[in-house]
Amino acid sequence: MTGAITYVRGDATAPRGKGVKVIAHVCNDLGGWGKGFVLALSKRWPEPEAEYRRWHRERASNDFGLGAVQVVRAERYVWVANMVGQRGVRTGRSSGVPVRYGAIDTALAALAGHALELGASVHMPRIGCGLAGGRWERVEPLVTARLVERGVPVTVYDVA
């Protein structure tokens, strides 16, 4: 049985509901963590940033790269999924956007396995649509196909 994405106004770093929750967000492939949604994550928990930076630093010996996902425990019932879904970052001279839809798709597919294993729901802002420059019309079908259709409850948070 599949449902649909639930949309709410609120803070994705304060996921609603009972049980285990995974907060999913998109990271760049440069090891940079300093703008956008990650700042809100770091205000609440140091672990996701520390683990992301370590993952990037040790990338020669791990799976870090576009499409990879790292699931980090933030507290007893809350995990954070660092999903590498953007190539570089936007600069003043950039032509085009850093978002990589194929990488987000791959990361979401991997995230589904983690969420099902944990018995968790997934909570997120409109991933890939902030600093990465993506369009929700392209991301939403990926979230539906990779998570919702596999039975993972998903809540998307829009800023109140």
N, C-alpha and C. Protein backbone atom coordinates (compact mmCIF):
# COMPACT_ATOMS: atom_id res chain seq x y z
N MET A 1 0.86 -1.19 0.00
CA MET A 1 0.00 0.00 0.00
C MET A 1 0.89 1.24 0.00
N THR A 2 0.64 2.12 -0.92
CA THR A 2 1.43 3.34 -0.96
C THR A 2 0.54 4.53 -0.62
N GLY A 3 1.18 5.52 -0.05
CA GLY A 3 0.45 6.72 0.31
C GLY A 3 0.88 7.85 -0.58
N ALA A 4 0.99 9.01 0.01
CA ALA A 4 1.43 10.19 -0.71
C ALA A 4 2.33 10.99 0.23
N ILE A 5 3.03 11.93 -0.33
CA ILE A 5 3.85 12.82 0.48
C ILE A 5 2.92 13.71 1.29
N THR A 6 3.25 13.89 2.56
CA THR A 6 2.52 14.82 3.41
C THR A 6 3.28 16.13 3.43
N TYR A 7 2.58 17.22 3.16
CA TYR A 7 3.20 18.55 3.17
C TYR A 7 2.73 19.30 4.40
N VAL A 8 3.67 19.89 5.13
CA VAL A 8 3.33 20.68 6.32
C VAL A 8 4.15 21.96 6.34
N ARG A 9 3.68 22.92 7.10
CA ARG A 9 4.47 24.13 7.35
C ARG A 9 5.21 23.88 8.66
N GLY A 10 6.51 24.15 8.65
CA GLY A 10 7.26 23.95 9.89
C GLY A 10 8.73 23.76 9.61
N ASP A 11 9.41 23.27 10.63
CA ASP A 11 10.86 23.12 10.64
C ASP A 11 11.22 21.65 10.47
N ALA A 12 11.90 21.33 9.37
CA ALA A 12 12.28 19.94 9.11
C ALA A 12 13.29 19.41 10.12
N THR A 13 13.94 20.30 10.90
CA THR A 13 14.86 19.80 11.93
C THR A 13 14.11 19.44 13.21
N ALA A 14 12.81 19.64 13.22
CA ALA A 14 11.96 19.23 14.34
C ALA A 14 10.84 18.36 13.77
N PRO A 15 11.22 17.15 13.30
CA PRO A 15 10.23 16.30 12.62
C PRO A 15 9.08 15.90 13.53
N ARG A 16 7.89 15.87 12.93
CA ARG A 16 6.67 15.55 13.68
C ARG A 16 6.37 14.06 13.63
N GLY A 17 5.59 13.63 14.62
CA GLY A 17 5.12 12.26 14.63
C GLY A 17 5.90 11.37 15.58
N LYS A 18 5.44 10.14 15.66
CA LYS A 18 6.03 9.16 16.57
C LYS A 18 7.03 8.27 15.83
N GLY A 19 7.85 7.58 16.59
CA GLY A 19 8.75 6.59 16.01
C GLY A 19 10.05 7.18 15.51
N VAL A 20 10.80 6.33 14.83
CA VAL A 20 12.11 6.71 14.30
C VAL A 20 11.91 7.59 13.08
N LYS A 21 12.73 8.65 13.00
CA LYS A 21 12.63 9.60 11.90
C LYS A 21 14.00 9.81 11.28
N VAL A 22 14.04 9.94 9.95
CA VAL A 22 15.26 10.29 9.24
C VAL A 22 15.02 11.63 8.56
N ILE A 23 15.89 12.60 8.84
CA ILE A 23 15.82 13.90 8.18
C ILE A 23 16.77 13.83 6.98
N ALA A 24 16.22 13.98 5.79
CA ALA A 24 17.02 13.88 4.57
C ALA A 24 17.29 15.27 4.00
N HIS A 25 18.51 15.46 3.51
CA HIS A 25 18.86 16.71 2.85
C HIS A 25 19.95 16.46 1.83
N VAL A 26 20.16 17.43 0.96
CA VAL A 26 21.14 17.30 -0.12
C VAL A 26 22.40 18.09 0.22
N CYS A 27 23.55 17.45 0.00
CA CYS A 27 24.87 18.05 0.22
C CYS A 27 25.58 18.17 -1.12
N ASN A 28 26.65 18.97 -1.14
CA ASN A 28 27.47 19.08 -2.35
C ASN A 28 28.61 18.06 -2.31
N ASP A 29 29.29 17.94 -3.44
CA ASP A 29 30.39 16.96 -3.54
C ASP A 29 31.76 17.58 -3.28
N LEU A 30 31.77 18.78 -2.70
CA LEU A 30 33.04 19.47 -2.41
C LEU A 30 33.45 19.36 -0.94
N GLY A 31 32.57 18.83 -0.11
CA GLY A 31 32.86 18.79 1.32
C GLY A 31 32.47 20.06 2.03
N GLY A 32 31.79 20.95 1.32
CA GLY A 32 31.37 22.21 1.91
C GLY A 32 30.08 22.08 2.70
N TRP A 33 30.07 22.68 3.89
CA TRP A 33 28.90 22.64 4.78
C TRP A 33 28.86 23.99 5.45
N GLY A 34 28.06 24.92 4.94
CA GLY A 34 28.12 26.24 5.54
C GLY A 34 27.00 27.18 5.15
N LYS A 35 26.10 26.73 4.25
CA LYS A 35 24.99 27.58 3.84
C LYS A 35 23.73 26.73 3.73
N GLY A 36 22.60 27.40 3.86
CA GLY A 36 21.32 26.72 3.65
C GLY A 36 20.88 25.87 4.82
N PHE A 37 20.16 24.80 4.51
CA PHE A 37 19.52 23.94 5.51
C PHE A 37 20.52 23.33 6.49
N VAL A 38 21.75 23.09 6.04
CA VAL A 38 22.74 22.46 6.93
C VAL A 38 23.02 23.31 8.16
N LEU A 39 22.87 24.62 8.05
CA LEU A 39 23.10 25.48 9.21
C LEU A 39 22.08 25.18 10.31
N ALA A 40 20.83 24.95 9.92
CA ALA A 40 19.79 24.59 10.89
C ALA A 40 20.10 23.24 11.53
N LEU A 41 20.58 22.28 10.72
CA LEU A 41 20.96 20.98 11.28
C LEU A 41 22.07 21.12 12.31
N SER A 42 23.10 21.90 11.95
CA SER A 42 24.25 22.05 12.85
C SER A 42 23.91 22.77 14.14
N LYS A 43 22.88 23.61 14.11
CA LYS A 43 22.44 24.28 15.35
C LYS A 43 21.87 23.27 16.34
N ARG A 44 21.26 22.22 15.81
CA ARG A 44 20.63 21.20 16.67
C ARG A 44 21.57 20.07 17.07
N TRP A 45 22.40 19.62 16.11
CA TRP A 45 23.26 18.47 16.37
C TRP A 45 24.62 18.65 15.68
N PRO A 46 25.71 18.36 16.37
CA PRO A 46 27.03 18.46 15.73
C PRO A 46 27.39 17.25 14.86
N GLU A 47 26.79 16.11 15.12
CA GLU A 47 27.20 14.85 14.48
C GLU A 47 27.06 14.83 12.96
N PRO A 48 25.93 15.28 12.38
CA PRO A 48 25.81 15.20 10.92
C PRO A 48 26.93 15.95 10.18
N GLU A 49 27.26 17.15 10.64
CA GLU A 49 28.33 17.93 10.00
C GLU A 49 29.68 17.25 10.20
N ALA A 50 29.96 16.83 11.42
CA ALA A 50 31.25 16.20 11.71
C ALA A 50 31.44 14.94 10.87
N GLU A 51 30.39 14.13 10.76
CA GLU A 51 30.48 12.89 9.99
C GLU A 51 30.59 13.16 8.49
N TYR A 52 29.85 14.17 8.00
CA TYR A 52 29.95 14.55 6.59
C TYR A 52 31.37 15.00 6.27
N ARG A 53 31.94 15.85 7.11
CA ARG A 53 33.30 16.35 6.85
C ARG A 53 34.33 15.21 6.89
N ARG A 54 34.15 14.28 7.82
CA ARG A 54 35.05 13.12 7.90
C ARG A 54 34.89 12.25 6.66
N TRP A 55 33.65 12.02 6.26
CA TRP A 55 33.34 11.22 5.07
C TRP A 55 34.02 11.81 3.85
N HIS A 56 33.93 13.13 3.68
CA HIS A 56 34.59 13.79 2.55
C HIS A 56 36.11 13.72 2.66
N ARG A 57 36.62 13.98 3.85
CA ARG A 57 38.08 13.97 4.05
C ARG A 57 38.68 12.61 3.73
N GLU A 58 37.96 11.54 4.05
CA GLU A 58 38.44 10.17 3.84
C GLU A 58 37.88 9.55 2.56
N ARG A 59 37.46 10.40 1.61
CA ARG A 59 36.77 9.91 0.40
C ARG A 59 37.59 8.97 -0.46
N ALA A 60 38.90 9.01 -0.34
CA ALA A 60 39.74 8.09 -1.13
C ALA A 60 39.48 6.64 -0.73
N SER A 61 38.96 6.43 0.48
CA SER A 61 38.76 5.05 0.96
C SER A 61 37.30 4.75 1.30
N ASN A 62 36.36 5.54 0.76
CA ASN A 62 34.95 5.24 1.03
C ASN A 62 34.10 5.54 -0.20
N ASP A 63 32.79 5.58 -0.03
CA ASP A 63 31.87 5.74 -1.16
C ASP A 63 31.44 7.18 -1.41
N PHE A 64 32.09 8.17 -0.78
CA PHE A 64 31.68 9.56 -0.95
C PHE A 64 31.68 9.94 -2.44
N GLY A 65 30.61 10.56 -2.89
CA GLY A 65 30.50 11.02 -4.27
C GLY A 65 29.04 11.21 -4.62
N LEU A 66 28.79 11.73 -5.80
CA LEU A 66 27.41 11.95 -6.23
C LEU A 66 26.59 10.67 -6.11
N GLY A 67 25.42 10.80 -5.50
CA GLY A 67 24.52 9.66 -5.35
C GLY A 67 24.70 8.89 -4.05
N ALA A 68 25.77 9.17 -3.31
CA ALA A 68 26.01 8.46 -2.05
C ALA A 68 25.15 9.05 -0.94
N VAL A 69 24.88 8.22 0.05
CA VAL A 69 24.13 8.68 1.22
C VAL A 69 24.82 8.18 2.47
N GLN A 70 24.86 9.04 3.47
CA GLN A 70 25.45 8.72 4.77
C GLN A 70 24.37 8.98 5.81
N VAL A 71 24.01 7.96 6.59
CA VAL A 71 22.97 8.10 7.60
C VAL A 71 23.66 8.17 8.97
N VAL A 72 23.42 9.29 9.66
CA VAL A 72 24.10 9.60 10.91
C VAL A 72 23.08 9.72 12.03
N ARG A 73 23.34 9.05 13.14
CA ARG A 73 22.44 9.15 14.29
C ARG A 73 22.65 10.50 14.98
N ALA A 74 21.55 11.25 15.14
CA ALA A 74 21.62 12.55 15.80
C ALA A 74 21.15 12.46 17.25
N GLU A 75 20.13 11.63 17.48
CA GLU A 75 19.65 11.36 18.83
C GLU A 75 18.92 10.02 18.77
N ARG A 76 18.38 9.59 19.89
CA ARG A 76 17.85 8.22 19.98
C ARG A 76 16.94 7.83 18.82
N TYR A 77 15.98 8.68 18.49
CA TYR A 77 15.01 8.34 17.45
C TYR A 77 15.12 9.21 16.20
N VAL A 78 16.21 9.96 16.08
CA VAL A 78 16.38 10.84 14.92
C VAL A 78 17.73 10.59 14.26
N TRP A 79 17.68 10.37 12.96
CA TRP A 79 18.86 10.18 12.13
C TRP A 79 18.87 11.27 11.08
N VAL A 80 20.03 11.58 10.53
CA VAL A 80 20.14 12.56 9.44
C VAL A 80 20.79 11.85 8.25
N ALA A 81 20.17 12.00 7.08
CA ALA A 81 20.72 11.41 5.85
C ALA A 81 21.39 12.51 5.05
N ASN A 82 22.73 12.46 5.00
CA ASN A 82 23.51 13.36 4.17
C ASN A 82 23.56 12.74 2.77
N MET A 83 22.85 13.33 1.81
CA MET A 83 22.78 12.79 0.46
C MET A 83 23.56 13.70 -0.50
N VAL A 84 24.55 13.15 -1.18
CA VAL A 84 25.35 13.95 -2.10
C VAL A 84 24.59 14.05 -3.42
N GLY A 85 23.96 15.21 -3.62
CA GLY A 85 23.10 15.39 -4.78
C GLY A 85 23.35 16.65 -5.56
N GLN A 86 24.49 17.30 -5.29
CA GLN A 86 24.82 18.46 -6.10
C GLN A 86 26.30 18.49 -6.40
N ARG A 87 26.61 18.87 -7.64
CA ARG A 87 27.99 18.98 -8.10
C ARG A 87 28.44 20.41 -7.83
N GLY A 88 29.39 20.56 -6.91
CA GLY A 88 29.91 21.88 -6.59
C GLY A 88 28.86 22.76 -5.94
N VAL A 89 29.10 24.05 -6.00
CA VAL A 89 28.19 25.03 -5.44
C VAL A 89 28.02 26.17 -6.44
N ARG A 90 26.96 26.94 -6.24
CA ARG A 90 26.71 28.09 -7.10
C ARG A 90 27.68 29.20 -6.77
N THR A 91 28.24 29.80 -7.79
CA THR A 91 29.07 30.99 -7.59
C THR A 91 28.50 32.09 -8.46
N GLY A 92 29.03 33.29 -8.30
CA GLY A 92 28.54 34.42 -9.09
C GLY A 92 28.66 34.20 -10.59
N ARG A 93 29.64 33.41 -11.00
CA ARG A 93 29.87 33.20 -12.43
C ARG A 93 29.24 31.90 -12.96
N SER A 94 28.61 31.16 -12.10
CA SER A 94 28.06 29.87 -12.51
C SER A 94 27.03 30.00 -13.61
N SER A 95 27.13 29.13 -14.58
CA SER A 95 26.04 29.00 -15.53
C SER A 95 25.45 27.64 -15.24
N GLY A 96 24.17 27.59 -15.07
CA GLY A 96 23.54 26.32 -14.69
C GLY A 96 23.51 26.17 -13.18
N VAL A 97 22.89 25.10 -12.75
CA VAL A 97 22.68 24.87 -11.32
C VAL A 97 23.44 23.63 -10.87
N PRO A 98 23.81 23.58 -9.59
CA PRO A 98 24.59 22.44 -9.09
C PRO A 98 23.79 21.15 -8.90
N VAL A 99 22.45 21.23 -8.83
CA VAL A 99 21.65 20.04 -8.57
C VAL A 99 21.93 18.97 -9.62
N ARG A 100 21.94 17.71 -9.16
CA ARG A 100 22.08 16.56 -10.06
C ARG A 100 20.94 15.60 -9.72
N TYR A 101 19.91 15.62 -10.56
CA TYR A 101 18.71 14.82 -10.28
C TYR A 101 19.02 13.33 -10.24
N GLY A 102 19.89 12.86 -11.10
CA GLY A 102 20.24 11.44 -11.09
C GLY A 102 20.89 11.04 -9.78
N ALA A 103 21.72 11.92 -9.23
CA ALA A 103 22.38 11.63 -7.95
C ALA A 103 21.36 11.63 -6.82
N ILE A 104 20.42 12.55 -6.86
CA ILE A 104 19.36 12.57 -5.83
C ILE A 104 18.55 11.28 -5.92
N ASP A 105 18.22 10.86 -7.12
CA ASP A 105 17.46 9.63 -7.34
C ASP A 105 18.21 8.42 -6.74
N THR A 106 19.50 8.32 -7.03
CA THR A 106 20.31 7.22 -6.51
C THR A 106 20.36 7.26 -4.99
N ALA A 107 20.56 8.45 -4.43
CA ALA A 107 20.64 8.59 -2.97
C ALA A 107 19.30 8.24 -2.32
N LEU A 108 18.20 8.67 -2.92
CA LEU A 108 16.89 8.35 -2.36
C LEU A 108 16.63 6.85 -2.37
N ALA A 109 17.05 6.17 -3.41
CA ALA A 109 16.88 4.72 -3.49
C ALA A 109 17.64 4.04 -2.34
N ALA A 110 18.86 4.51 -2.09
CA ALA A 110 19.64 3.96 -0.97
C ALA A 110 19.00 4.32 0.36
N LEU A 111 18.51 5.55 0.47
CA LEU A 111 17.86 5.99 1.70
C LEU A 111 16.65 5.12 2.03
N ALA A 112 15.90 4.71 1.02
CA ALA A 112 14.73 3.86 1.25
C ALA A 112 15.11 2.60 2.01
N GLY A 113 16.22 1.99 1.61
CA GLY A 113 16.68 0.79 2.31
C GLY A 113 16.99 1.06 3.77
N HIS A 114 17.66 2.17 4.04
CA HIS A 114 17.98 2.53 5.43
C HIS A 114 16.70 2.78 6.22
N ALA A 115 15.77 3.54 5.63
CA ALA A 115 14.52 3.88 6.33
C ALA A 115 13.71 2.62 6.64
N LEU A 116 13.62 1.71 5.68
CA LEU A 116 12.88 0.47 5.91
C LEU A 116 13.54 -0.37 6.99
N GLU A 117 14.87 -0.41 6.98
CA GLU A 117 15.61 -1.17 7.99
C GLU A 117 15.39 -0.60 9.39
N LEU A 118 15.34 0.72 9.48
CA LEU A 118 15.14 1.39 10.77
C LEU A 118 13.66 1.46 11.16
N GLY A 119 12.76 1.16 10.23
CA GLY A 119 11.33 1.33 10.48
C GLY A 119 11.00 2.80 10.64
N ALA A 120 11.66 3.64 9.85
CA ALA A 120 11.58 5.09 10.03
C ALA A 120 10.74 5.78 8.96
N SER A 121 10.21 6.93 9.34
CA SER A 121 9.62 7.85 8.38
C SER A 121 10.73 8.81 7.95
N VAL A 122 10.54 9.46 6.78
CA VAL A 122 11.55 10.39 6.26
C VAL A 122 10.95 11.79 6.24
N HIS A 123 11.75 12.75 6.69
CA HIS A 123 11.34 14.15 6.80
C HIS A 123 12.37 14.99 6.07
N MET A 124 11.91 16.02 5.34
CA MET A 124 12.84 16.81 4.54
C MET A 124 12.26 18.16 4.17
N PRO A 125 13.16 19.11 3.89
CA PRO A 125 12.70 20.31 3.20
C PRO A 125 12.51 19.92 1.74
N ARG A 126 12.27 20.85 0.86
CA ARG A 126 12.18 20.53 -0.59
C ARG A 126 13.62 20.35 -1.08
N ILE A 127 14.12 19.15 -0.89
CA ILE A 127 15.53 18.84 -1.16
C ILE A 127 15.95 19.19 -2.58
N GLY A 128 17.16 19.73 -2.68
CA GLY A 128 17.71 20.06 -3.98
C GLY A 128 17.16 21.33 -4.60
N CYS A 129 16.25 22.01 -3.90
CA CYS A 129 15.55 23.15 -4.49
C CYS A 129 15.93 24.49 -3.86
N GLY A 130 16.89 24.46 -2.95
CA GLY A 130 17.37 25.70 -2.36
C GLY A 130 18.62 26.15 -3.08
N LEU A 131 19.74 26.07 -2.39
CA LEU A 131 21.02 26.50 -2.97
C LEU A 131 21.41 25.66 -4.18
N ALA A 132 20.94 24.42 -4.26
CA ALA A 132 21.29 23.55 -5.39
C ALA A 132 20.58 23.99 -6.68
N GLY A 133 19.51 24.77 -6.54
CA GLY A 133 18.85 25.34 -7.71
C GLY A 133 17.89 24.43 -8.45
N GLY A 134 17.51 23.32 -7.83
CA GLY A 134 16.61 22.38 -8.50
C GLY A 134 15.16 22.83 -8.49
N ARG A 135 14.35 22.08 -9.21
CA ARG A 135 12.92 22.36 -9.28
C ARG A 135 12.15 21.21 -8.64
N TRP A 136 11.23 21.53 -7.73
CA TRP A 136 10.48 20.51 -7.01
C TRP A 136 9.68 19.63 -7.97
N GLU A 137 9.24 20.18 -9.09
CA GLU A 137 8.49 19.37 -10.06
C GLU A 137 9.33 18.20 -10.56
N ARG A 138 10.64 18.32 -10.50
CA ARG A 138 11.53 17.22 -10.93
C ARG A 138 11.93 16.34 -9.76
N VAL A 139 11.99 16.90 -8.56
CA VAL A 139 12.42 16.12 -7.39
C VAL A 139 11.27 15.31 -6.81
N GLU A 140 10.08 15.90 -6.75
CA GLU A 140 8.94 15.23 -6.13
C GLU A 140 8.68 13.83 -6.71
N PRO A 141 8.69 13.64 -8.03
CA PRO A 141 8.46 12.28 -8.55
C PRO A 141 9.54 11.28 -8.11
N LEU A 142 10.76 11.75 -7.88
CA LEU A 142 11.82 10.87 -7.41
C LEU A 142 11.54 10.43 -5.97
N VAL A 143 11.11 11.37 -5.14
CA VAL A 143 10.76 11.07 -3.75
C VAL A 143 9.61 10.06 -3.72
N THR A 144 8.63 10.29 -4.57
CA THR A 144 7.47 9.39 -4.63
C THR A 144 7.90 7.99 -5.06
N ALA A 145 8.67 7.89 -6.14
CA ALA A 145 9.07 6.59 -6.68
C ALA A 145 9.99 5.83 -5.74
N ARG A 146 10.95 6.51 -5.16
CA ARG A 146 11.98 5.82 -4.36
C ARG A 146 11.58 5.57 -2.92
N LEU A 147 10.75 6.43 -2.35
CA LEU A 147 10.38 6.29 -0.94
C LEU A 147 8.92 5.91 -0.76
N VAL A 148 8.01 6.78 -1.20
CA VAL A 148 6.58 6.57 -0.96
C VAL A 148 6.11 5.24 -1.53
N GLU A 149 6.49 4.95 -2.78
CA GLU A 149 6.03 3.71 -3.41
C GLU A 149 6.64 2.46 -2.79
N ARG A 150 7.68 2.62 -1.98
CA ARG A 150 8.25 1.48 -1.25
C ARG A 150 7.70 1.41 0.17
N GLY A 151 6.73 2.26 0.48
CA GLY A 151 6.08 2.19 1.78
C GLY A 151 6.71 3.04 2.87
N VAL A 152 7.60 3.96 2.49
CA VAL A 152 8.23 4.83 3.47
C VAL A 152 7.40 6.11 3.59
N PRO A 153 6.88 6.41 4.79
CA PRO A 153 6.14 7.66 4.97
C PRO A 153 7.07 8.86 4.81
N VAL A 154 6.65 9.87 4.06
CA VAL A 154 7.48 11.05 3.80
C VAL A 154 6.70 12.31 4.16
N THR A 155 7.35 13.20 4.91
CA THR A 155 6.79 14.51 5.21
C THR A 155 7.76 15.56 4.68
N VAL A 156 7.23 16.50 3.91
CA VAL A 156 8.02 17.61 3.37
C VAL A 156 7.60 18.88 4.11
N TYR A 157 8.60 19.60 4.60
CA TYR A 157 8.38 20.80 5.40
C TYR A 157 8.65 22.05 4.59
N ASP A 158 7.67 22.95 4.59
CA ASP A 158 7.84 24.26 4.00
C ASP A 158 7.96 25.25 5.15
N VAL A 159 8.83 26.23 4.99
CA VAL A 159 9.07 27.19 6.06
C VAL A 159 7.76 27.89 6.42
N ALA A 160 7.50 27.96 7.70
CA ALA A 160 6.24 28.55 8.19
C ALA A 160 6.18 30.04 7.92
